[in-house]
Amino acid sequence: MAASVLGSTCGPMRLGVTGLCRRRPPRGLWARARRLPGLAGSGRSVAAASGSGASGTDRYCMDLLRKRDYEGYLCSLLLPADSRSSAFALRAFNVELAQVKDSVSEKTIGLMRMEFWRKTVDDIYSDNPPQQPVAIELWKVKAKCYFKKKFFFNVYSYREKNLDDKPYRNIQELENYAENTQSSLLYLTLEILGVKDLHADHAASHIGKAQGIVTCLRATPYHGSRRRVFLPMEICMLHGVSQEDFLRQNQAKNVRDVIYDIASQAHLHLKHARSFHKSVPVKAFPAFLQTVALEDYLKKIQQVDFDIFHPSLQQKNTLLPLSLYVQSWRKRY
């Protein structure tokens, strides 16, 4: 049986929403959380949540997120009102890049679409955005707060490299990919919130790496259905596991040990991120709400003894909006 507790390098793992039982939420919290568009779902409520007068391009970004990055959509709704539309645009940009890989049959076509987004970013910084909804919204954001262009460059350049369909050689390569994609998005989100703080940047780096690792784990069954495996080869070889084991959905102990090792690294990054908690400005906390979803997945995979193919891992957490709302109210991450 695979180890039942994550994080062997950092002691017993205590999963769940941090401090959930320490303070009792005020009455009516669930009722207020239900007003989130993630639960209500009407177009009018979505527009209201994003701020006054949501435009057609803004609505496009929101709809894209709700369909393709539901967790990111919910987290964006809990940002300060004047930052939501900017966060929607930023996350929609990431979705546009992320879905290139799965929407093309040839790498050449994928490279052409990536080139479009590279040129789009250049045009945005030249105040000449193309007539594309996400591009227009990003241009509006850039006019309000000057993003560091290098973070956009990191996101699309590493997404472009990922078109090769090659598994990660080791956990460090996966972390490097996550740093330049997920962490870069968090750095940009901090800029949206007006946060310039070294401790916040360190927390963002670790949370982004945890996000990248968890995303790789969560996508494993889907990738396997398309006869692809992207899990770090070094860890697989350490436990004598082949790609074919994942394609056949083998549930042997050594396969679960691979998942345990990878999940432990994600947990370790969350622990490191939270070690900066007292030093990170409270203003930055909304950018880190995705830790709720990450911890929820790590808890679930622990409960099924690291069986990456267990059906329960593919089920949507209907209480996630409430959990996010509670974490936001408590001003924690």
Protein backbone atom coordinates (compact mmCIF):
# COMPACT_ATOMS: atom_id res chain seq x y z
CA MET A 1 0.00 0.00 0.00
CA ALA A 2 1.33 3.41 -0.91
CA ALA A 3 2.23 5.69 1.94
CA SER A 4 -0.97 7.07 3.40
CA VAL A 5 0.36 10.46 4.45
CA LEU A 6 1.69 13.05 2.02
CA GLY A 7 4.87 14.96 2.56
CA SER A 8 7.34 12.48 3.96
CA THR A 9 10.03 15.15 3.74
CA CYS A 10 8.08 17.55 5.91
CA GLY A 11 6.27 15.41 8.47
CA PRO A 12 2.62 14.31 8.60
CA MET A 13 0.35 16.07 6.17
CA ARG A 14 -2.76 17.79 7.50
CA LEU A 15 -5.03 18.41 4.57
CA GLY A 16 -8.13 20.54 4.34
CA VAL A 17 -8.90 24.25 4.52
CA THR A 18 -6.42 25.74 6.95
CA GLY A 19 -7.99 26.79 10.20
CA LEU A 20 -11.52 25.86 9.13
CA CYS A 21 -12.56 24.92 12.66
CA ARG A 22 -10.79 27.70 14.52
CA ARG A 23 -13.25 30.46 13.83
CA ARG A 24 -16.93 30.16 13.20
CA PRO A 25 -18.14 31.97 10.07
CA PRO A 26 -20.92 34.50 10.62
CA ARG A 27 -24.51 33.48 10.11
CA GLY A 28 -25.73 33.78 6.58
CA LEU A 29 -22.32 33.07 5.04
CA TRP A 30 -23.69 30.21 2.97
CA ALA A 31 -26.53 32.39 1.73
CA ARG A 32 -24.07 35.07 0.66
CA ALA A 33 -21.78 32.53 -0.97
CA ARG A 34 -24.72 31.23 -3.00
CA ARG A 35 -24.94 34.60 -4.67
CA LEU A 36 -21.65 33.86 -6.42
CA PRO A 37 -22.30 33.38 -10.15
CA GLY A 38 -20.63 29.99 -9.89
CA LEU A 39 -23.74 28.84 -8.02
CA ALA A 40 -26.41 31.18 -9.35
CA GLY A 41 -25.20 31.16 -12.93
CA SER A 42 -27.37 33.84 -14.54
CA GLY A 43 -25.81 36.14 -17.11
CA ARG A 44 -27.04 39.16 -15.16
CA SER A 45 -25.38 38.03 -11.92
CA VAL A 46 -22.12 37.37 -13.75
CA ALA A 47 -22.11 40.84 -15.21
CA ALA A 48 -22.87 42.36 -11.82
CA ALA A 49 -20.07 40.45 -10.14
CA SER A 50 -17.52 41.64 -12.64
CA GLY A 51 -18.28 45.28 -12.02
CA SER A 52 -20.60 47.83 -13.49
CA GLY A 53 -21.34 47.71 -17.20
CA ALA A 54 -19.65 44.49 -18.29
CA SER A 55 -18.81 44.81 -22.00
CA GLY A 56 -19.14 42.18 -24.70
CA THR A 57 -15.40 41.47 -24.62
CA ASP A 58 -15.45 41.28 -20.83
CA ARG A 59 -18.37 38.85 -20.94
CA TYR A 60 -16.47 36.74 -23.50
CA CYS A 61 -13.56 36.38 -21.06
CA MET A 62 -15.89 35.46 -18.19
CA ASP A 63 -17.76 32.88 -20.25
CA LEU A 64 -14.49 31.37 -21.48
CA LEU A 65 -13.25 31.03 -17.91
CA ARG A 66 -16.50 29.59 -16.60
CA LYS A 67 -16.39 26.89 -19.26
CA ARG A 68 -12.66 26.11 -19.36
CA ASP A 69 -11.20 27.20 -15.98
CA TYR A 70 -14.05 27.07 -13.48
CA GLU A 71 -11.79 27.25 -10.44
CA GLY A 72 -9.96 30.27 -11.84
CA TYR A 73 -13.33 31.83 -12.60
CA LEU A 74 -14.51 31.45 -9.01
CA CYS A 75 -11.23 32.80 -7.61
CA SER A 76 -11.46 35.84 -9.91
CA LEU A 77 -14.97 36.61 -8.65
CA LEU A 78 -13.58 37.03 -5.13
CA LEU A 79 -11.00 39.63 -6.11
CA PRO A 80 -11.70 43.30 -5.31
CA ALA A 81 -14.35 44.69 -7.67
CA ASP A 82 -11.93 46.99 -9.49
CA SER A 83 -9.59 44.08 -10.27
CA ARG A 84 -12.00 41.39 -11.46
CA SER A 85 -12.25 42.30 -15.14
CA SER A 86 -8.45 42.50 -15.31
CA ALA A 87 -8.13 39.05 -13.74
CA PHE A 88 -10.73 37.63 -16.14
CA ALA A 89 -8.70 38.94 -19.08
CA LEU A 90 -5.45 37.57 -17.70
CA ARG A 91 -6.85 34.11 -17.03
CA ALA A 92 -8.66 34.07 -20.37
CA PHE A 93 -5.31 34.72 -22.05
CA ASN A 94 -3.92 31.66 -20.27
CA VAL A 95 -6.91 29.55 -21.34
CA GLU A 96 -6.49 30.61 -24.97
CA LEU A 97 -2.88 29.45 -24.89
CA ALA A 98 -3.57 26.28 -22.91
CA GLN A 99 -6.26 25.03 -25.29
CA VAL A 100 -4.03 25.37 -28.37
CA LYS A 101 -2.35 22.05 -27.66
CA ASP A 102 -5.60 20.09 -27.52
CA SER A 103 -7.31 21.88 -30.41
CA VAL A 104 -4.75 21.25 -33.17
CA SER A 105 -3.74 18.01 -34.87
CA GLU A 106 -0.36 19.24 -36.12
CA LYS A 107 2.41 21.03 -34.24
CA THR A 108 2.87 23.47 -37.14
CA ILE A 109 -0.68 24.75 -36.73
CA GLY A 110 -0.13 25.08 -33.00
CA LEU A 111 3.02 27.12 -33.58
CA MET A 112 1.09 29.43 -35.91
CA ARG A 113 -1.52 30.06 -33.25
CA MET A 114 1.17 30.68 -30.64
CA GLU A 115 2.81 33.13 -33.04
CA PHE A 116 -0.51 34.96 -33.26
CA TRP A 117 -0.50 35.45 -29.49
CA ARG A 118 3.15 36.49 -29.45
CA LYS A 119 2.38 39.19 -32.01
CA THR A 120 -0.79 40.08 -30.12
CA VAL A 121 1.18 40.83 -26.95
CA ASP A 122 3.58 42.99 -28.98
CA ASP A 123 0.63 44.84 -30.51
CA ILE A 124 -0.97 45.35 -27.10
CA TYR A 125 2.19 47.02 -25.86
CA SER A 126 2.18 49.14 -29.03
CA ASP A 127 -1.44 50.18 -28.28
CA ASN A 128 -2.65 48.47 -31.43
CA PRO A 129 -4.47 45.32 -30.25
CA PRO A 130 -6.20 43.04 -32.80
CA GLN A 131 -9.99 42.82 -32.80
CA GLN A 132 -10.04 39.77 -30.58
CA PRO A 133 -11.98 39.87 -27.25
CA VAL A 134 -9.16 38.70 -24.97
CA ALA A 135 -6.64 40.94 -26.69
CA ILE A 136 -8.92 43.97 -26.32
CA GLU A 137 -9.46 43.26 -22.62
CA LEU A 138 -5.72 42.80 -22.02
CA TRP A 139 -5.07 46.11 -23.75
CA LYS A 140 -7.57 47.77 -21.38
CA VAL A 141 -5.79 46.22 -18.42
CA LYS A 142 -2.40 47.35 -19.69
CA ALA A 143 -3.74 50.89 -19.90
CA LYS A 144 -4.68 50.75 -16.20
CA CYS A 145 -1.64 48.98 -14.79
CA TYR A 146 1.59 48.42 -16.67
CA PHE A 147 2.26 44.68 -16.77
CA LYS A 148 5.80 43.41 -17.04
CA LYS A 149 5.95 42.06 -20.57
CA LYS A 150 8.45 39.37 -19.61
CA PHE A 151 5.76 37.45 -17.70
CA PHE A 152 3.57 37.30 -20.81
CA PHE A 153 6.60 36.18 -22.78
CA ASN A 154 7.28 33.41 -20.24
CA VAL A 155 3.71 32.12 -20.45
CA TYR A 156 3.44 31.84 -24.22
CA SER A 157 7.06 30.76 -24.82
CA TYR A 158 6.77 27.85 -22.36
CA ARG A 159 3.31 26.94 -23.64
CA GLU A 160 4.87 26.86 -27.10
CA LYS A 161 7.67 24.55 -25.96
CA ASN A 162 5.04 22.28 -24.46
CA LEU A 163 3.59 21.56 -27.90
CA ASP A 164 6.29 18.89 -28.32
CA ASP A 165 4.23 16.34 -26.38
CA LYS A 166 7.27 15.11 -24.46
CA PRO A 167 7.05 13.94 -20.83
CA TYR A 168 8.95 15.93 -18.23
CA ARG A 169 12.38 14.45 -17.58
CA ASN A 170 12.20 15.10 -13.84
CA ILE A 171 10.22 17.02 -11.23
CA GLN A 172 12.52 20.03 -11.61
CA GLU A 173 11.57 20.36 -15.28
CA LEU A 174 7.88 20.26 -14.36
CA GLU A 175 8.47 22.88 -11.66
CA ASN A 176 10.32 25.09 -14.13
CA TYR A 177 7.40 24.88 -16.55
CA ALA A 178 4.98 25.72 -13.73
CA GLU A 179 7.13 28.65 -12.58
CA ASN A 180 7.08 30.19 -16.05
CA THR A 181 3.36 29.64 -16.64
CA GLN A 182 1.31 29.41 -13.44
CA SER A 183 3.64 31.49 -11.26
CA SER A 184 3.96 34.13 -13.98
CA LEU A 185 0.16 34.47 -13.98
CA LEU A 186 0.26 35.00 -10.21
CA TYR A 187 2.97 37.65 -10.55
CA LEU A 188 0.73 39.46 -13.05
CA THR A 189 -2.25 39.11 -10.70
CA LEU A 190 -0.22 40.70 -7.92
CA GLU A 191 0.50 43.60 -10.27
CA ILE A 192 -3.24 43.93 -10.89
CA LEU A 193 -3.76 44.17 -7.11
CA GLY A 194 -0.99 46.72 -6.79
CA VAL A 195 1.19 44.44 -4.67
CA LYS A 196 4.95 44.77 -4.93
CA ASP A 197 6.42 42.63 -2.20
CA LEU A 198 9.24 40.09 -2.16
CA HIS A 199 7.47 37.74 0.26
CA ALA A 200 4.33 37.79 -1.90
CA ASP A 201 6.48 36.96 -4.93
CA HIS A 202 8.04 34.00 -3.08
CA ALA A 203 4.60 32.72 -2.09
CA ALA A 204 3.39 33.14 -5.68
CA SER A 205 6.35 31.15 -6.96
CA HIS A 206 5.60 28.18 -4.69
CA ILE A 207 1.83 28.29 -5.25
CA GLY A 208 2.34 28.41 -9.01
CA LYS A 209 4.61 25.36 -8.84
CA ALA A 210 2.05 23.51 -6.73
CA GLN A 211 -0.62 24.48 -9.27
CA GLY A 212 1.47 23.15 -12.15
CA ILE A 213 2.15 19.85 -10.41
CA VAL A 214 -1.49 19.33 -9.43
CA THR A 215 -2.65 20.23 -12.94
CA CYS A 216 -0.28 17.59 -14.35
CA LEU A 217 -1.69 15.00 -11.95
CA ARG A 218 -5.33 15.90 -12.59
CA ALA A 219 -4.83 15.73 -16.36
CA THR A 220 -3.18 12.29 -16.27
CA PRO A 221 -6.40 10.26 -16.91
CA TYR A 222 -7.35 12.58 -19.78
CA HIS A 223 -3.89 12.42 -21.31
CA GLY A 224 -3.87 8.65 -20.88
CA SER A 225 -7.11 8.40 -22.87
CA ARG A 226 -5.21 10.08 -25.71
CA ARG A 227 -2.22 7.77 -25.19
CA ARG A 228 -0.02 10.46 -23.70
CA VAL A 229 1.87 10.52 -20.40
CA PHE A 230 3.61 13.64 -19.11
CA LEU A 231 4.55 12.62 -15.57
CA PRO A 232 8.27 13.07 -14.70
CA MET A 233 10.19 10.12 -16.17
CA GLU A 234 12.84 10.12 -13.45
CA ILE A 235 10.28 9.38 -10.73
CA CYS A 236 8.58 6.75 -12.89
CA MET A 237 11.91 5.01 -13.50
CA LEU A 238 12.77 5.18 -9.79
CA HIS A 239 9.69 3.04 -9.05
CA GLY A 240 9.99 0.82 -12.13
CA VAL A 241 6.87 2.24 -13.78
CA SER A 242 6.50 2.58 -17.55
CA GLN A 243 4.25 4.84 -19.58
CA GLU A 244 2.26 1.77 -20.55
CA ASP A 245 1.31 1.27 -16.88
CA PHE A 246 -0.49 4.60 -16.94
CA LEU A 247 -2.04 3.97 -20.34
CA ARG A 248 -3.48 0.71 -18.98
CA GLN A 249 -4.55 2.46 -15.75
CA ASN A 250 -2.48 0.08 -13.67
CA GLN A 251 -3.23 0.53 -9.96
CA ALA A 252 -0.25 -1.38 -8.57
CA LYS A 253 1.63 -0.11 -5.52
CA ASN A 254 4.60 1.21 -7.50
CA VAL A 255 2.27 3.25 -9.74
CA ARG A 256 0.64 4.80 -6.67
CA ASP A 257 4.09 5.46 -5.22
CA VAL A 258 4.90 7.58 -8.27
CA ILE A 259 1.76 9.66 -7.67
CA TYR A 260 2.58 9.90 -3.96
CA ASP A 261 6.03 11.33 -4.68
CA ILE A 262 4.69 13.90 -7.13
CA ALA A 263 1.76 14.91 -4.91
CA SER A 264 4.14 15.25 -1.95
CA GLN A 265 6.14 17.82 -3.89
CA ALA A 266 2.99 19.87 -4.54
CA HIS A 267 2.15 19.75 -0.83
CA LEU A 268 5.68 20.82 0.05
CA HIS A 269 5.32 23.90 -2.17
CA LEU A 270 2.03 24.80 -0.47
CA LYS A 271 3.73 24.48 2.90
CA HIS A 272 6.58 26.75 1.79
CA ALA A 273 4.10 29.31 0.42
CA ARG A 274 2.25 29.42 3.72
CA SER A 275 5.47 29.86 5.66
CA PHE A 276 5.46 33.44 4.32
CA HIS A 277 1.89 34.02 5.54
CA LYS A 278 2.75 36.54 8.27
CA SER A 279 5.03 38.53 5.97
CA VAL A 280 2.79 38.68 2.90
CA PRO A 281 0.57 41.81 2.66
CA VAL A 282 -3.10 41.01 3.24
CA LYS A 283 -3.80 42.80 -0.03
CA ALA A 284 -2.10 39.91 -1.85
CA PHE A 285 -4.19 37.12 -0.29
CA PRO A 286 -7.01 37.17 -2.90
CA ALA A 287 -4.45 36.28 -5.58
CA PHE A 288 -3.70 33.03 -3.74
CA LEU A 289 -7.22 31.65 -3.24
CA GLN A 290 -6.51 28.80 -5.65
CA THR A 291 -4.69 27.07 -2.76
CA VAL A 292 -8.18 25.98 -1.62
CA ALA A 293 -8.75 23.92 -4.76
CA LEU A 294 -5.18 22.58 -4.71
CA GLU A 295 -5.49 21.39 -1.14
CA ASP A 296 -8.90 19.89 -1.85
CA TYR A 297 -7.43 17.75 -4.65
CA LEU A 298 -4.45 16.66 -2.54
CA LYS A 299 -6.80 15.64 0.23
CA LYS A 300 -8.95 13.62 -2.16
CA ILE A 301 -6.02 11.82 -3.74
CA GLN A 302 -4.71 10.92 -0.29
CA GLN A 303 -8.12 9.49 0.64
CA VAL A 304 -8.08 7.14 -2.38
CA ASP A 305 -4.52 6.01 -1.59
CA PHE A 306 -3.04 7.88 -4.56
CA ASP A 307 -5.06 6.02 -7.18
CA ILE A 308 -4.84 8.66 -9.91
CA PHE A 309 -7.65 6.99 -11.87
CA HIS A 310 -10.20 6.86 -9.05
CA PRO A 311 -13.59 8.18 -10.30
CA SER A 312 -14.01 10.47 -7.29
CA LEU A 313 -11.06 12.58 -8.45
CA GLN A 314 -12.98 13.54 -11.60
CA GLN A 315 -16.03 14.80 -9.70
CA LYS A 316 -16.56 18.53 -9.28
CA ASN A 317 -16.51 19.79 -5.70
CA THR A 318 -19.91 21.46 -5.30
CA LEU A 319 -18.80 23.09 -2.04
CA LEU A 320 -15.79 24.79 -3.62
CA PRO A 321 -17.53 28.19 -3.97
CA LEU A 322 -18.35 28.14 -0.26
CA SER A 323 -14.84 27.03 0.71
CA LEU A 324 -13.35 29.83 -1.36
CA TYR A 325 -15.73 32.35 0.18
CA VAL A 326 -14.81 31.22 3.70
CA GLN A 327 -11.09 31.42 2.93
CA SER A 328 -11.57 34.88 1.43
CA TRP A 329 -13.52 36.05 4.48
CA ARG A 330 -10.84 34.76 6.81
CA LYS A 331 -8.15 36.48 4.78
CA ARG A 332 -6.00 33.37 4.53
CA TYR A 333 -4.39 31.37 1.77
